[in-house]
């Protein structure tokens, strides 16, 4: 399988790239900073330097050509302001989805966030700073854009992300109670979803839990 990862040097992206490369998939990782290329090469991911905030759809489509799937796990990251939440978490996601349609790459996984429903219809959750509200709004807008597209998309909404070692056990469903989940386990779930085309058209929430990742994804695929 040839998979293109957007946000490949991020904390989830590099974990996912490592997993996919270990299982002998061909992995292309989109990065903005050329200095990150060596880190990707070290884990078996082919770096592609492309700034999704400024690239055009043809550039991205050319990179996606002949791929089997693409994953959007990019984000503006901590320390970024309101403007970059929109240009990265929404704008770059929309660009990648448009390019996937143009390149006829149907399988599309998008990493979103639990909590996006709290900003639906312009709502502002209490006690949340403006930058995080902008982040949630950008993620929700990216979801809404993707859901209208003729792609085999799956949206994954993880809970609070941690750097704790993965347990391989999760709670995965269209709705789960708020909680945390390790980035290791998010990456492993994304890898499993790539192998589960029956999850296309689903929006799934993810936190740590008691069910093995393999069983959780298989169950969701059956229920779909």
N, C-alpha and C. Protein backbone atom coordinates (compact mmCIF):
# COMPACT_ATOMS: atom_id res chain seq x y z
N UNK A 1 0.85 -1.19 0.00
CA UNK A 1 0.00 0.00 0.00
C UNK A 1 0.88 1.24 0.00
N UNK A 2 0.56 2.20 -0.84
CA UNK A 2 1.26 3.49 -0.84
C UNK A 2 0.38 4.50 -0.12
N UNK A 3 0.92 5.07 0.95
CA UNK A 3 0.16 5.98 1.80
C UNK A 3 0.90 7.30 1.90
N UNK A 4 0.18 8.39 1.71
CA UNK A 4 0.75 9.73 1.88
C UNK A 4 0.24 10.31 3.19
N UNK A 5 1.17 10.76 4.03
CA UNK A 5 0.83 11.31 5.34
C UNK A 5 1.07 12.82 5.34
N UNK A 6 0.05 13.58 5.69
CA UNK A 6 0.22 15.01 5.91
C UNK A 6 0.42 15.23 7.41
N UNK A 7 1.46 15.97 7.76
CA UNK A 7 1.82 16.10 9.17
C UNK A 7 2.70 14.96 9.60
N UNK A 8 3.55 14.51 8.71
CA UNK A 8 4.32 13.28 8.95
C UNK A 8 5.37 13.41 10.03
N UNK A 9 5.76 14.65 10.37
CA UNK A 9 6.74 14.83 11.43
C UNK A 9 6.08 15.16 12.77
N UNK A 10 4.76 15.24 12.78
CA UNK A 10 4.05 15.47 14.03
C UNK A 10 4.12 14.26 14.94
N UNK A 11 3.64 14.44 16.17
CA UNK A 11 3.79 13.37 17.15
C UNK A 11 2.97 12.13 16.82
N UNK A 12 1.82 12.31 16.19
CA UNK A 12 1.05 11.16 15.72
C UNK A 12 1.58 10.68 14.37
N UNK A 13 1.86 11.64 13.48
CA UNK A 13 2.28 11.29 12.13
C UNK A 13 3.53 10.45 12.08
N UNK A 14 4.54 10.80 12.87
CA UNK A 14 5.79 10.04 12.80
C UNK A 14 5.61 8.64 13.40
N UNK A 15 4.74 8.52 14.37
CA UNK A 15 4.43 7.19 14.91
C UNK A 15 3.72 6.34 13.87
N UNK A 16 2.76 6.94 13.16
CA UNK A 16 2.04 6.20 12.13
C UNK A 16 2.97 5.82 10.99
N UNK A 17 3.79 6.76 10.54
CA UNK A 17 4.73 6.44 9.48
C UNK A 17 5.65 5.29 9.84
N UNK A 18 6.10 5.28 11.08
CA UNK A 18 6.97 4.21 11.55
C UNK A 18 6.26 2.86 11.49
N UNK A 19 5.02 2.82 11.97
CA UNK A 19 4.25 1.56 11.93
C UNK A 19 4.04 1.07 10.51
N UNK A 20 3.67 1.98 9.62
CA UNK A 20 3.40 1.57 8.24
C UNK A 20 4.67 1.11 7.53
N UNK A 21 5.77 1.82 7.76
CA UNK A 21 7.03 1.41 7.14
C UNK A 21 7.48 0.04 7.64
N UNK A 22 7.24 -0.22 8.92
CA UNK A 22 7.65 -1.52 9.48
C UNK A 22 6.88 -2.67 8.86
N UNK A 23 5.67 -2.40 8.44
CA UNK A 23 4.89 -3.48 7.80
C UNK A 23 5.06 -3.46 6.28
N UNK A 24 6.03 -2.71 5.81
CA UNK A 24 6.46 -2.71 4.39
C UNK A 24 5.54 -1.93 3.47
N UNK A 25 4.71 -1.04 4.02
CA UNK A 25 3.99 -0.12 3.14
C UNK A 25 4.97 0.92 2.61
N UNK A 26 4.64 1.48 1.46
CA UNK A 26 5.41 2.61 0.93
C UNK A 26 4.79 3.88 1.51
N UNK A 27 5.56 4.62 2.27
CA UNK A 27 5.03 5.77 3.00
C UNK A 27 5.74 7.04 2.55
N UNK A 28 4.94 8.01 2.14
CA UNK A 28 5.45 9.33 1.77
C UNK A 28 4.96 10.31 2.82
N UNK A 29 5.87 11.06 3.41
CA UNK A 29 5.51 11.98 4.47
C UNK A 29 5.67 13.42 4.03
N UNK A 30 4.57 14.17 4.07
CA UNK A 30 4.62 15.59 3.73
C UNK A 30 5.11 16.38 4.94
N UNK A 31 6.16 17.18 4.71
CA UNK A 31 6.71 18.04 5.76
C UNK A 31 6.92 19.44 5.19
N UNK A 32 6.84 20.43 6.06
CA UNK A 32 7.08 21.81 5.65
C UNK A 32 8.54 22.19 5.80
N UNK A 33 9.20 21.63 6.80
CA UNK A 33 10.57 21.99 7.14
C UNK A 33 11.54 20.94 6.60
N UNK A 34 12.42 21.32 5.66
CA UNK A 34 13.38 20.33 5.11
C UNK A 34 14.29 19.72 6.18
N UNK A 35 14.49 20.42 7.28
CA UNK A 35 15.34 19.89 8.34
C UNK A 35 14.77 18.63 8.98
N UNK A 36 13.48 18.37 8.77
CA UNK A 36 12.84 17.19 9.35
C UNK A 36 12.98 15.94 8.47
N UNK A 37 13.53 16.11 7.28
CA UNK A 37 13.60 14.99 6.33
C UNK A 37 14.38 13.81 6.90
N UNK A 38 15.50 14.08 7.55
CA UNK A 38 16.34 13.00 8.06
C UNK A 38 15.60 12.17 9.10
N UNK A 39 14.77 12.82 9.91
CA UNK A 39 14.00 12.08 10.92
C UNK A 39 13.05 11.09 10.27
N UNK A 40 12.43 11.50 9.15
CA UNK A 40 11.51 10.59 8.45
C UNK A 40 12.29 9.45 7.80
N UNK A 41 13.38 9.78 7.16
CA UNK A 41 14.17 8.74 6.50
C UNK A 41 14.65 7.69 7.50
N UNK A 42 14.93 8.13 8.73
CA UNK A 42 15.43 7.21 9.75
C UNK A 42 14.41 6.15 10.14
N UNK A 43 13.11 6.44 9.93
CA UNK A 43 12.07 5.46 10.27
C UNK A 43 11.46 4.82 9.03
N UNK A 44 12.06 5.06 7.87
CA UNK A 44 11.61 4.40 6.65
C UNK A 44 10.55 5.14 5.87
N UNK A 45 10.37 6.43 6.15
CA UNK A 45 9.37 7.24 5.45
C UNK A 45 10.08 8.14 4.45
N UNK A 46 9.54 8.19 3.24
CA UNK A 46 10.11 9.04 2.19
C UNK A 46 9.61 10.47 2.38
N UNK A 47 10.49 11.44 2.65
CA UNK A 47 10.02 12.80 2.88
C UNK A 47 9.66 13.52 1.58
N UNK A 48 8.64 14.36 1.67
CA UNK A 48 8.24 15.22 0.55
C UNK A 48 8.04 16.62 1.13
N UNK A 49 8.90 17.54 0.76
CA UNK A 49 8.83 18.89 1.32
C UNK A 49 7.78 19.69 0.55
N UNK A 50 6.72 20.05 1.26
CA UNK A 50 5.61 20.77 0.65
C UNK A 50 4.85 21.50 1.75
N UNK A 51 4.69 22.79 1.61
CA UNK A 51 3.98 23.59 2.61
C UNK A 51 2.50 23.66 2.24
N UNK A 52 1.68 22.93 2.99
CA UNK A 52 0.26 22.85 2.66
C UNK A 52 -0.49 24.15 2.92
N UNK A 53 0.14 25.09 3.60
CA UNK A 53 -0.49 26.40 3.77
C UNK A 53 -0.36 27.25 2.51
N UNK A 54 0.60 26.91 1.64
CA UNK A 54 0.86 27.73 0.46
C UNK A 54 0.87 26.96 -0.85
N UNK A 55 0.79 25.64 -0.80
CA UNK A 55 0.80 24.84 -2.02
C UNK A 55 -0.52 24.98 -2.77
N UNK A 56 -0.50 24.67 -4.06
CA UNK A 56 -1.76 24.64 -4.82
C UNK A 56 -2.20 23.20 -5.01
N UNK A 57 -3.42 23.04 -5.46
CA UNK A 57 -4.01 21.71 -5.52
C UNK A 57 -3.28 20.80 -6.50
N UNK A 58 -2.75 21.36 -7.58
CA UNK A 58 -2.04 20.53 -8.55
C UNK A 58 -0.76 19.94 -7.96
N UNK A 59 -0.04 20.73 -7.16
CA UNK A 59 1.18 20.23 -6.52
C UNK A 59 0.86 19.05 -5.60
N UNK A 60 -0.19 19.19 -4.83
CA UNK A 60 -0.56 18.14 -3.89
C UNK A 60 -1.09 16.92 -4.63
N UNK A 61 -1.89 17.16 -5.65
CA UNK A 61 -2.44 16.06 -6.45
C UNK A 61 -1.33 15.25 -7.11
N UNK A 62 -0.31 15.92 -7.62
CA UNK A 62 0.81 15.21 -8.23
C UNK A 62 1.51 14.31 -7.22
N UNK A 63 1.64 14.78 -5.99
CA UNK A 63 2.27 13.98 -4.95
C UNK A 63 1.42 12.76 -4.59
N UNK A 64 0.11 12.92 -4.64
CA UNK A 64 -0.80 11.83 -4.29
C UNK A 64 -0.97 10.79 -5.40
N UNK A 65 -0.56 11.11 -6.61
CA UNK A 65 -0.80 10.23 -7.76
C UNK A 65 -0.33 8.81 -7.47
N UNK A 66 -1.17 7.84 -7.82
CA UNK A 66 -0.87 6.41 -7.69
C UNK A 66 -0.81 5.94 -6.23
N UNK A 67 -1.33 6.72 -5.31
CA UNK A 67 -1.38 6.28 -3.91
C UNK A 67 -2.67 5.52 -3.65
N UNK A 68 -2.65 4.73 -2.59
CA UNK A 68 -3.83 3.97 -2.19
C UNK A 68 -4.64 4.69 -1.12
N UNK A 69 -3.99 5.56 -0.37
CA UNK A 69 -4.67 6.24 0.74
C UNK A 69 -3.86 7.46 1.15
N UNK A 70 -4.53 8.37 1.84
CA UNK A 70 -3.85 9.50 2.45
C UNK A 70 -4.43 9.75 3.83
N UNK A 71 -3.58 10.28 4.71
CA UNK A 71 -3.97 10.54 6.09
C UNK A 71 -3.62 11.98 6.42
N UNK A 72 -4.59 12.72 6.96
CA UNK A 72 -4.33 14.08 7.41
C UNK A 72 -4.22 14.08 8.92
N UNK A 73 -2.99 14.25 9.42
CA UNK A 73 -2.79 14.38 10.87
C UNK A 73 -2.00 15.64 11.19
N UNK A 74 -2.00 16.58 10.26
CA UNK A 74 -1.28 17.82 10.47
C UNK A 74 -2.03 18.74 11.43
N UNK A 75 -1.28 19.66 12.02
CA UNK A 75 -1.89 20.67 12.89
C UNK A 75 -0.94 21.82 13.07
N UNK A 76 -1.49 22.98 13.38
CA UNK A 76 -0.65 24.15 13.58
C UNK A 76 0.24 24.00 14.81
N UNK A 77 -0.21 23.22 15.78
CA UNK A 77 0.62 22.92 16.93
C UNK A 77 0.54 23.96 18.03
N UNK A 78 1.10 23.61 19.19
CA UNK A 78 1.07 24.52 20.34
C UNK A 78 1.85 25.80 20.04
N UNK A 79 1.37 26.90 20.56
CA UNK A 79 2.05 28.16 20.34
C UNK A 79 1.56 28.92 19.12
N UNK A 80 0.79 28.26 18.27
CA UNK A 80 0.25 28.94 17.08
C UNK A 80 -1.02 29.70 17.46
N UNK A 81 -1.31 30.74 16.69
CA UNK A 81 -2.46 31.57 17.00
C UNK A 81 -3.70 31.18 16.23
N UNK A 82 -4.70 32.01 16.37
CA UNK A 82 -6.00 31.75 15.76
C UNK A 82 -5.88 31.60 14.24
N UNK A 83 -5.11 32.46 13.60
CA UNK A 83 -5.03 32.46 12.14
C UNK A 83 -4.52 31.13 11.61
N UNK A 84 -3.49 30.57 12.25
CA UNK A 84 -2.91 29.32 11.74
C UNK A 84 -3.77 28.11 12.09
N UNK A 85 -4.61 28.22 13.08
CA UNK A 85 -5.57 27.13 13.30
C UNK A 85 -6.45 26.99 12.07
N UNK A 86 -6.81 28.11 11.47
CA UNK A 86 -7.64 28.06 10.27
C UNK A 86 -6.85 27.61 9.05
N UNK A 87 -5.65 28.16 8.84
CA UNK A 87 -4.92 27.85 7.61
C UNK A 87 -4.38 26.42 7.60
N UNK A 88 -4.09 25.86 8.76
CA UNK A 88 -3.57 24.49 8.81
C UNK A 88 -4.68 23.49 9.12
N UNK A 89 -5.30 23.62 10.29
CA UNK A 89 -6.25 22.59 10.73
C UNK A 89 -7.50 22.52 9.86
N UNK A 90 -7.86 23.62 9.24
CA UNK A 90 -8.97 23.59 8.26
C UNK A 90 -8.43 23.66 6.83
N UNK A 91 -7.70 24.72 6.51
CA UNK A 91 -7.32 24.97 5.13
C UNK A 91 -6.48 23.87 4.51
N UNK A 92 -5.48 23.40 5.24
CA UNK A 92 -4.63 22.34 4.69
C UNK A 92 -5.40 21.03 4.53
N UNK A 93 -6.33 20.76 5.45
CA UNK A 93 -7.15 19.55 5.34
C UNK A 93 -8.04 19.62 4.10
N UNK A 94 -8.63 20.77 3.87
CA UNK A 94 -9.49 20.95 2.69
C UNK A 94 -8.66 20.80 1.41
N UNK A 95 -7.47 21.38 1.40
CA UNK A 95 -6.60 21.26 0.23
C UNK A 95 -6.26 19.80 -0.04
N UNK A 96 -5.90 19.05 1.00
CA UNK A 96 -5.54 17.65 0.80
C UNK A 96 -6.73 16.85 0.27
N UNK A 97 -7.92 17.12 0.80
CA UNK A 97 -9.10 16.39 0.32
C UNK A 97 -9.41 16.74 -1.13
N UNK A 98 -9.28 18.00 -1.49
CA UNK A 98 -9.50 18.41 -2.89
C UNK A 98 -8.50 17.72 -3.81
N UNK A 99 -7.23 17.67 -3.37
CA UNK A 99 -6.20 17.02 -4.17
C UNK A 99 -6.45 15.51 -4.27
N UNK A 100 -6.94 14.90 -3.21
CA UNK A 100 -7.24 13.47 -3.24
C UNK A 100 -8.33 13.18 -4.27
N UNK A 101 -9.36 14.02 -4.31
CA UNK A 101 -10.38 13.85 -5.34
C UNK A 101 -9.78 13.97 -6.73
N UNK A 102 -8.95 14.98 -6.92
CA UNK A 102 -8.35 15.20 -8.24
C UNK A 102 -7.45 14.04 -8.64
N UNK A 103 -6.72 13.48 -7.68
CA UNK A 103 -5.80 12.36 -7.96
C UNK A 103 -6.51 11.01 -7.93
N UNK A 104 -7.78 11.01 -7.59
CA UNK A 104 -8.59 9.79 -7.50
C UNK A 104 -8.04 8.82 -6.45
N UNK A 105 -7.64 9.39 -5.33
CA UNK A 105 -7.23 8.60 -4.17
C UNK A 105 -8.42 8.61 -3.21
N UNK A 106 -9.13 7.52 -3.15
CA UNK A 106 -10.42 7.52 -2.47
C UNK A 106 -10.31 7.39 -0.95
N UNK A 107 -9.36 6.60 -0.47
CA UNK A 107 -9.30 6.35 0.98
C UNK A 107 -8.62 7.52 1.67
N UNK A 108 -9.34 8.11 2.63
CA UNK A 108 -8.88 9.35 3.27
C UNK A 108 -9.20 9.27 4.75
N UNK A 109 -8.18 9.28 5.58
CA UNK A 109 -8.36 9.32 7.03
C UNK A 109 -8.03 10.72 7.54
N UNK A 110 -8.87 11.25 8.39
CA UNK A 110 -8.65 12.59 8.93
C UNK A 110 -8.67 12.55 10.45
N UNK A 111 -7.61 13.07 11.05
CA UNK A 111 -7.54 13.15 12.50
C UNK A 111 -8.17 14.48 12.93
N UNK A 112 -9.21 14.37 13.71
CA UNK A 112 -9.92 15.54 14.21
C UNK A 112 -9.72 15.61 15.72
N UNK A 113 -10.73 15.93 16.47
CA UNK A 113 -10.60 16.05 17.92
C UNK A 113 -11.96 15.85 18.58
N UNK A 114 -11.96 15.17 19.72
CA UNK A 114 -13.15 15.20 20.54
C UNK A 114 -13.39 16.65 20.98
N UNK A 115 -14.64 16.99 21.17
CA UNK A 115 -14.99 18.34 21.60
C UNK A 115 -15.44 19.25 20.49
N UNK A 116 -15.31 18.81 19.23
CA UNK A 116 -15.71 19.71 18.14
C UNK A 116 -17.20 20.00 18.15
N UNK A 117 -17.99 19.08 18.68
CA UNK A 117 -19.44 19.33 18.72
C UNK A 117 -19.79 20.51 19.62
N UNK A 118 -18.88 20.85 20.53
CA UNK A 118 -19.17 21.95 21.46
C UNK A 118 -19.16 23.32 20.79
N UNK A 119 -18.63 23.39 19.57
CA UNK A 119 -18.61 24.69 18.87
C UNK A 119 -19.55 24.70 17.66
N UNK A 120 -20.35 23.66 17.54
CA UNK A 120 -21.29 23.62 16.41
C UNK A 120 -22.29 24.78 16.52
N UNK A 121 -22.70 25.29 15.35
CA UNK A 121 -23.65 26.41 15.27
C UNK A 121 -23.14 27.67 15.97
N UNK A 122 -21.82 27.84 15.98
CA UNK A 122 -21.24 29.05 16.53
C UNK A 122 -21.15 29.11 18.03
N UNK A 123 -21.44 28.01 18.69
CA UNK A 123 -21.38 28.00 20.16
C UNK A 123 -19.95 28.20 20.65
N UNK A 124 -19.82 28.78 21.83
CA UNK A 124 -18.52 28.96 22.46
C UNK A 124 -18.55 28.29 23.83
N UNK A 125 -17.81 27.21 23.99
CA UNK A 125 -17.85 26.50 25.28
C UNK A 125 -17.26 27.35 26.40
N UNK A 126 -17.84 27.21 27.59
CA UNK A 126 -17.40 28.00 28.74
C UNK A 126 -16.02 27.57 29.19
N UNK A 127 -15.20 28.56 29.57
CA UNK A 127 -13.90 28.27 30.16
C UNK A 127 -12.85 27.81 29.19
N UNK A 128 -13.06 28.01 27.90
CA UNK A 128 -12.10 27.58 26.88
C UNK A 128 -11.50 28.82 26.23
N UNK A 129 -10.17 28.89 26.13
CA UNK A 129 -9.55 30.09 25.57
C UNK A 129 -9.81 30.19 24.07
N UNK A 130 -9.63 31.39 23.54
CA UNK A 130 -10.03 31.67 22.16
C UNK A 130 -9.22 30.87 21.14
N UNK A 131 -7.98 30.56 21.45
CA UNK A 131 -7.17 29.80 20.50
C UNK A 131 -7.68 28.36 20.39
N UNK A 132 -8.03 27.77 21.54
CA UNK A 132 -8.55 26.40 21.48
C UNK A 132 -9.93 26.36 20.83
N UNK A 133 -10.74 27.39 21.06
CA UNK A 133 -12.02 27.47 20.36
C UNK A 133 -11.80 27.54 18.86
N UNK A 134 -10.81 28.34 18.43
CA UNK A 134 -10.49 28.44 17.00
C UNK A 134 -10.04 27.09 16.45
N UNK A 135 -9.27 26.36 17.24
CA UNK A 135 -8.83 25.01 16.85
C UNK A 135 -10.02 24.08 16.64
N UNK A 136 -10.93 24.08 17.61
CA UNK A 136 -12.11 23.21 17.49
C UNK A 136 -12.96 23.60 16.29
N UNK A 137 -13.12 24.89 16.06
CA UNK A 137 -13.91 25.34 14.91
C UNK A 137 -13.24 24.95 13.60
N UNK A 138 -11.92 25.04 13.55
CA UNK A 138 -11.21 24.64 12.34
C UNK A 138 -11.36 23.15 12.08
N UNK A 139 -11.24 22.35 13.14
CA UNK A 139 -11.39 20.90 12.99
C UNK A 139 -12.81 20.54 12.55
N UNK A 140 -13.80 21.20 13.14
CA UNK A 140 -15.18 20.92 12.75
C UNK A 140 -15.43 21.31 11.30
N UNK A 141 -14.90 22.45 10.88
CA UNK A 141 -15.08 22.88 9.48
C UNK A 141 -14.41 21.89 8.52
N UNK A 142 -13.25 21.38 8.90
CA UNK A 142 -12.58 20.39 8.06
C UNK A 142 -13.41 19.10 7.97
N UNK A 143 -13.99 18.70 9.09
CA UNK A 143 -14.88 17.53 9.07
C UNK A 143 -16.06 17.75 8.13
N UNK A 144 -16.70 18.90 8.28
CA UNK A 144 -17.91 19.17 7.49
C UNK A 144 -17.59 19.22 6.01
N UNK A 145 -16.44 19.76 5.66
CA UNK A 145 -16.02 19.76 4.26
C UNK A 145 -15.83 18.33 3.75
N UNK A 146 -15.12 17.53 4.52
CA UNK A 146 -14.81 16.16 4.08
C UNK A 146 -16.06 15.32 3.94
N UNK A 147 -17.02 15.52 4.83
CA UNK A 147 -18.23 14.69 4.82
C UNK A 147 -19.08 14.91 3.57
N UNK A 148 -18.85 16.01 2.88
CA UNK A 148 -19.60 16.29 1.65
C UNK A 148 -18.92 15.73 0.40
N UNK A 149 -17.75 15.16 0.56
CA UNK A 149 -16.96 14.75 -0.60
C UNK A 149 -17.19 13.28 -0.98
N UNK A 150 -16.96 13.00 -2.25
CA UNK A 150 -17.07 11.64 -2.77
C UNK A 150 -15.75 10.92 -2.57
N UNK A 151 -15.44 10.68 -1.30
CA UNK A 151 -14.24 9.95 -0.91
C UNK A 151 -14.63 8.88 0.11
N UNK A 152 -13.79 7.88 0.25
CA UNK A 152 -14.01 6.85 1.27
C UNK A 152 -13.32 7.32 2.56
N UNK A 153 -13.94 8.30 3.19
CA UNK A 153 -13.31 8.95 4.33
C UNK A 153 -13.71 8.30 5.65
N UNK A 154 -12.79 8.38 6.60
CA UNK A 154 -13.08 8.07 8.00
C UNK A 154 -12.48 9.19 8.84
N UNK A 155 -13.25 9.70 9.77
CA UNK A 155 -12.80 10.77 10.66
C UNK A 155 -12.59 10.18 12.04
N UNK A 156 -11.40 10.40 12.60
CA UNK A 156 -11.07 9.90 13.93
C UNK A 156 -10.91 11.08 14.88
N UNK A 157 -11.68 11.05 15.97
CA UNK A 157 -11.63 12.12 16.99
C UNK A 157 -11.02 11.56 18.27
N UNK A 158 -9.72 11.71 18.45
CA UNK A 158 -9.11 11.25 19.70
C UNK A 158 -9.47 12.18 20.85
N UNK A 159 -9.39 11.62 22.06
CA UNK A 159 -9.50 12.44 23.26
C UNK A 159 -8.19 13.15 23.55
N UNK A 160 -7.97 13.51 24.80
CA UNK A 160 -6.75 14.21 25.19
C UNK A 160 -5.54 13.33 24.90
N UNK A 161 -4.59 13.87 24.14
CA UNK A 161 -3.44 13.09 23.68
C UNK A 161 -2.32 13.11 24.72
N UNK A 162 -1.73 11.94 24.94
CA UNK A 162 -0.60 11.83 25.87
C UNK A 162 0.57 11.15 25.17
N UNK A 163 1.73 11.28 25.78
CA UNK A 163 2.93 10.61 25.28
C UNK A 163 3.25 9.35 26.08
N UNK A 164 2.29 8.87 26.84
CA UNK A 164 2.48 7.61 27.56
C UNK A 164 2.61 6.47 26.55
N UNK A 165 3.34 5.41 26.90
CA UNK A 165 3.43 4.27 26.00
C UNK A 165 2.05 3.70 25.69
N UNK A 166 1.86 3.26 24.46
CA UNK A 166 0.57 2.70 24.08
C UNK A 166 0.29 1.41 24.81
N UNK A 167 -0.98 1.17 25.07
CA UNK A 167 -1.40 -0.07 25.72
C UNK A 167 -1.96 -1.08 24.73
N UNK A 168 -2.32 -0.58 23.52
CA UNK A 168 -2.97 -1.45 22.55
C UNK A 168 -4.42 -1.72 22.86
N UNK A 169 -4.96 -1.02 23.86
CA UNK A 169 -6.35 -1.24 24.26
C UNK A 169 -7.06 0.11 24.31
N UNK A 170 -8.25 0.15 23.69
CA UNK A 170 -8.92 1.44 23.48
C UNK A 170 -10.43 1.30 23.65
N UNK A 171 -11.08 2.44 23.62
CA UNK A 171 -12.54 2.50 23.46
C UNK A 171 -12.79 3.30 22.19
N UNK A 172 -13.41 2.67 21.21
CA UNK A 172 -13.62 3.26 19.89
C UNK A 172 -15.09 3.10 19.51
N UNK A 173 -15.76 4.23 19.24
CA UNK A 173 -17.18 4.21 18.92
C UNK A 173 -17.57 5.58 18.36
N UNK A 174 -18.77 5.68 17.78
CA UNK A 174 -19.21 7.01 17.32
C UNK A 174 -19.29 8.03 18.44
N UNK A 175 -19.57 7.60 19.66
CA UNK A 175 -19.57 8.49 20.82
C UNK A 175 -18.98 7.75 22.01
N UNK A 176 -18.02 8.37 22.68
CA UNK A 176 -17.46 7.80 23.91
C UNK A 176 -17.35 8.93 24.93
N UNK A 177 -17.24 8.56 26.20
CA UNK A 177 -17.02 9.55 27.24
C UNK A 177 -15.65 10.18 27.08
N UNK A 178 -15.53 11.44 27.52
CA UNK A 178 -14.25 12.12 27.42
C UNK A 178 -13.19 11.36 28.19
N UNK A 179 -11.96 11.41 27.67
CA UNK A 179 -10.85 10.73 28.31
C UNK A 179 -9.58 11.00 27.54
N UNK A 180 -8.53 10.32 27.90
CA UNK A 180 -7.25 10.50 27.24
C UNK A 180 -6.89 9.25 26.46
N UNK A 181 -5.91 9.40 25.56
CA UNK A 181 -5.43 8.28 24.76
C UNK A 181 -3.99 8.59 24.36
N UNK A 182 -3.16 7.57 24.34
CA UNK A 182 -1.76 7.80 23.97
C UNK A 182 -1.64 7.98 22.46
N UNK A 183 -0.66 8.78 22.07
CA UNK A 183 -0.40 8.96 20.63
C UNK A 183 0.00 7.65 19.97
N UNK A 184 0.68 6.77 20.72
CA UNK A 184 1.01 5.45 20.18
C UNK A 184 -0.26 4.72 19.74
N UNK A 185 -1.28 4.75 20.59
CA UNK A 185 -2.52 4.04 20.28
C UNK A 185 -3.32 4.72 19.17
N UNK A 186 -3.26 6.05 19.09
CA UNK A 186 -3.91 6.74 17.98
C UNK A 186 -3.30 6.29 16.66
N UNK A 187 -1.96 6.25 16.61
CA UNK A 187 -1.29 5.82 15.38
C UNK A 187 -1.66 4.38 15.02
N UNK A 188 -1.71 3.52 16.02
CA UNK A 188 -2.05 2.11 15.76
C UNK A 188 -3.49 1.98 15.26
N UNK A 189 -4.39 2.77 15.79
CA UNK A 189 -5.78 2.74 15.31
C UNK A 189 -5.85 3.23 13.87
N UNK A 190 -5.14 4.28 13.55
CA UNK A 190 -5.12 4.77 12.16
C UNK A 190 -4.60 3.70 11.21
N UNK A 191 -3.54 3.02 11.59
CA UNK A 191 -3.01 1.95 10.75
C UNK A 191 -4.05 0.86 10.54
N UNK A 192 -4.77 0.51 11.60
CA UNK A 192 -5.81 -0.52 11.49
C UNK A 192 -6.97 -0.04 10.63
N UNK A 193 -7.33 1.23 10.73
CA UNK A 193 -8.43 1.76 9.92
C UNK A 193 -8.08 1.76 8.43
N UNK A 194 -6.81 1.94 8.11
CA UNK A 194 -6.42 1.87 6.70
C UNK A 194 -6.73 0.51 6.10
N UNK A 195 -6.70 -0.52 6.93
CA UNK A 195 -6.98 -1.89 6.48
C UNK A 195 -8.45 -2.27 6.65
N UNK A 196 -9.29 -1.30 7.00
CA UNK A 196 -10.71 -1.58 7.26
C UNK A 196 -11.58 -0.66 6.41
N UNK A 197 -11.68 -0.94 5.10
CA UNK A 197 -12.46 -0.05 4.23
C UNK A 197 -13.92 0.05 4.62
N UNK A 198 -14.43 -0.91 5.38
CA UNK A 198 -15.83 -0.86 5.79
C UNK A 198 -16.10 0.27 6.79
N UNK A 199 -15.05 0.90 7.29
CA UNK A 199 -15.24 2.04 8.20
C UNK A 199 -15.41 3.35 7.44
N UNK A 200 -15.40 3.31 6.13
CA UNK A 200 -15.61 4.53 5.35
C UNK A 200 -16.97 5.13 5.68
N UNK A 201 -17.00 6.46 5.77
CA UNK A 201 -18.23 7.16 6.10
C UNK A 201 -18.52 7.26 7.58
N UNK A 202 -17.58 6.86 8.42
CA UNK A 202 -17.79 6.89 9.87
C UNK A 202 -17.02 8.02 10.52
N UNK A 203 -17.61 8.57 11.58
CA UNK A 203 -16.93 9.50 12.48
C UNK A 203 -16.79 8.77 13.81
N UNK A 204 -15.56 8.56 14.26
CA UNK A 204 -15.30 7.72 15.41
C UNK A 204 -14.53 8.48 16.48
N UNK A 205 -14.92 8.30 17.73
CA UNK A 205 -14.20 8.88 18.85
C UNK A 205 -13.36 7.82 19.52
N UNK A 206 -12.24 8.26 20.11
CA UNK A 206 -11.24 7.31 20.60
C UNK A 206 -10.65 7.79 21.93
N UNK A 207 -10.67 6.90 22.92
CA UNK A 207 -9.95 7.11 24.17
C UNK A 207 -9.35 5.77 24.58
N UNK A 208 -8.53 5.79 25.62
CA UNK A 208 -8.02 4.54 26.14
C UNK A 208 -9.15 3.68 26.70
N UNK A 209 -8.96 2.38 26.64
CA UNK A 209 -10.04 1.50 27.10
C UNK A 209 -9.56 0.09 27.34
N UNK A 210 -10.49 -0.87 27.19
CA UNK A 210 -10.21 -2.26 27.54
C UNK A 210 -10.20 -3.20 26.34
N UNK A 211 -10.61 -2.72 25.17
CA UNK A 211 -10.71 -3.58 24.00
C UNK A 211 -9.45 -3.47 23.16
N UNK A 212 -8.95 -4.57 22.65
CA UNK A 212 -7.77 -4.50 21.80
C UNK A 212 -8.08 -3.68 20.55
N UNK A 213 -7.07 -3.02 20.01
CA UNK A 213 -7.27 -2.20 18.82
C UNK A 213 -7.79 -3.06 17.67
N UNK A 214 -7.22 -4.23 17.49
CA UNK A 214 -7.66 -5.12 16.42
C UNK A 214 -9.14 -5.45 16.56
N UNK A 215 -9.57 -5.81 17.77
CA UNK A 215 -10.97 -6.17 17.99
C UNK A 215 -11.88 -4.95 17.84
N UNK A 216 -11.43 -3.79 18.33
CA UNK A 216 -12.26 -2.59 18.26
C UNK A 216 -12.53 -2.18 16.83
N UNK A 217 -11.49 -2.19 16.00
CA UNK A 217 -11.67 -1.80 14.60
C UNK A 217 -12.51 -2.84 13.85
N UNK A 218 -12.27 -4.12 14.12
CA UNK A 218 -13.07 -5.17 13.48
C UNK A 218 -14.54 -5.06 13.86
N UNK A 219 -14.81 -4.75 15.12
CA UNK A 219 -16.19 -4.60 15.57
C UNK A 219 -16.87 -3.43 14.88
N UNK A 220 -16.17 -2.29 14.84
CA UNK A 220 -16.73 -1.12 14.19
C UNK A 220 -17.01 -1.40 12.71
N UNK A 221 -16.10 -2.09 12.06
CA UNK A 221 -16.29 -2.42 10.64
C UNK A 221 -17.51 -3.32 10.45
N UNK A 222 -17.72 -4.27 11.35
CA UNK A 222 -18.89 -5.15 11.24
C UNK A 222 -20.17 -4.35 11.48
N UNK A 223 -20.15 -3.48 12.48
CA UNK A 223 -21.35 -2.71 12.82
C UNK A 223 -21.74 -1.74 11.72
N UNK A 224 -20.73 -1.31 10.95
CA UNK A 224 -21.01 -0.36 9.88
C UNK A 224 -21.75 -0.98 8.73
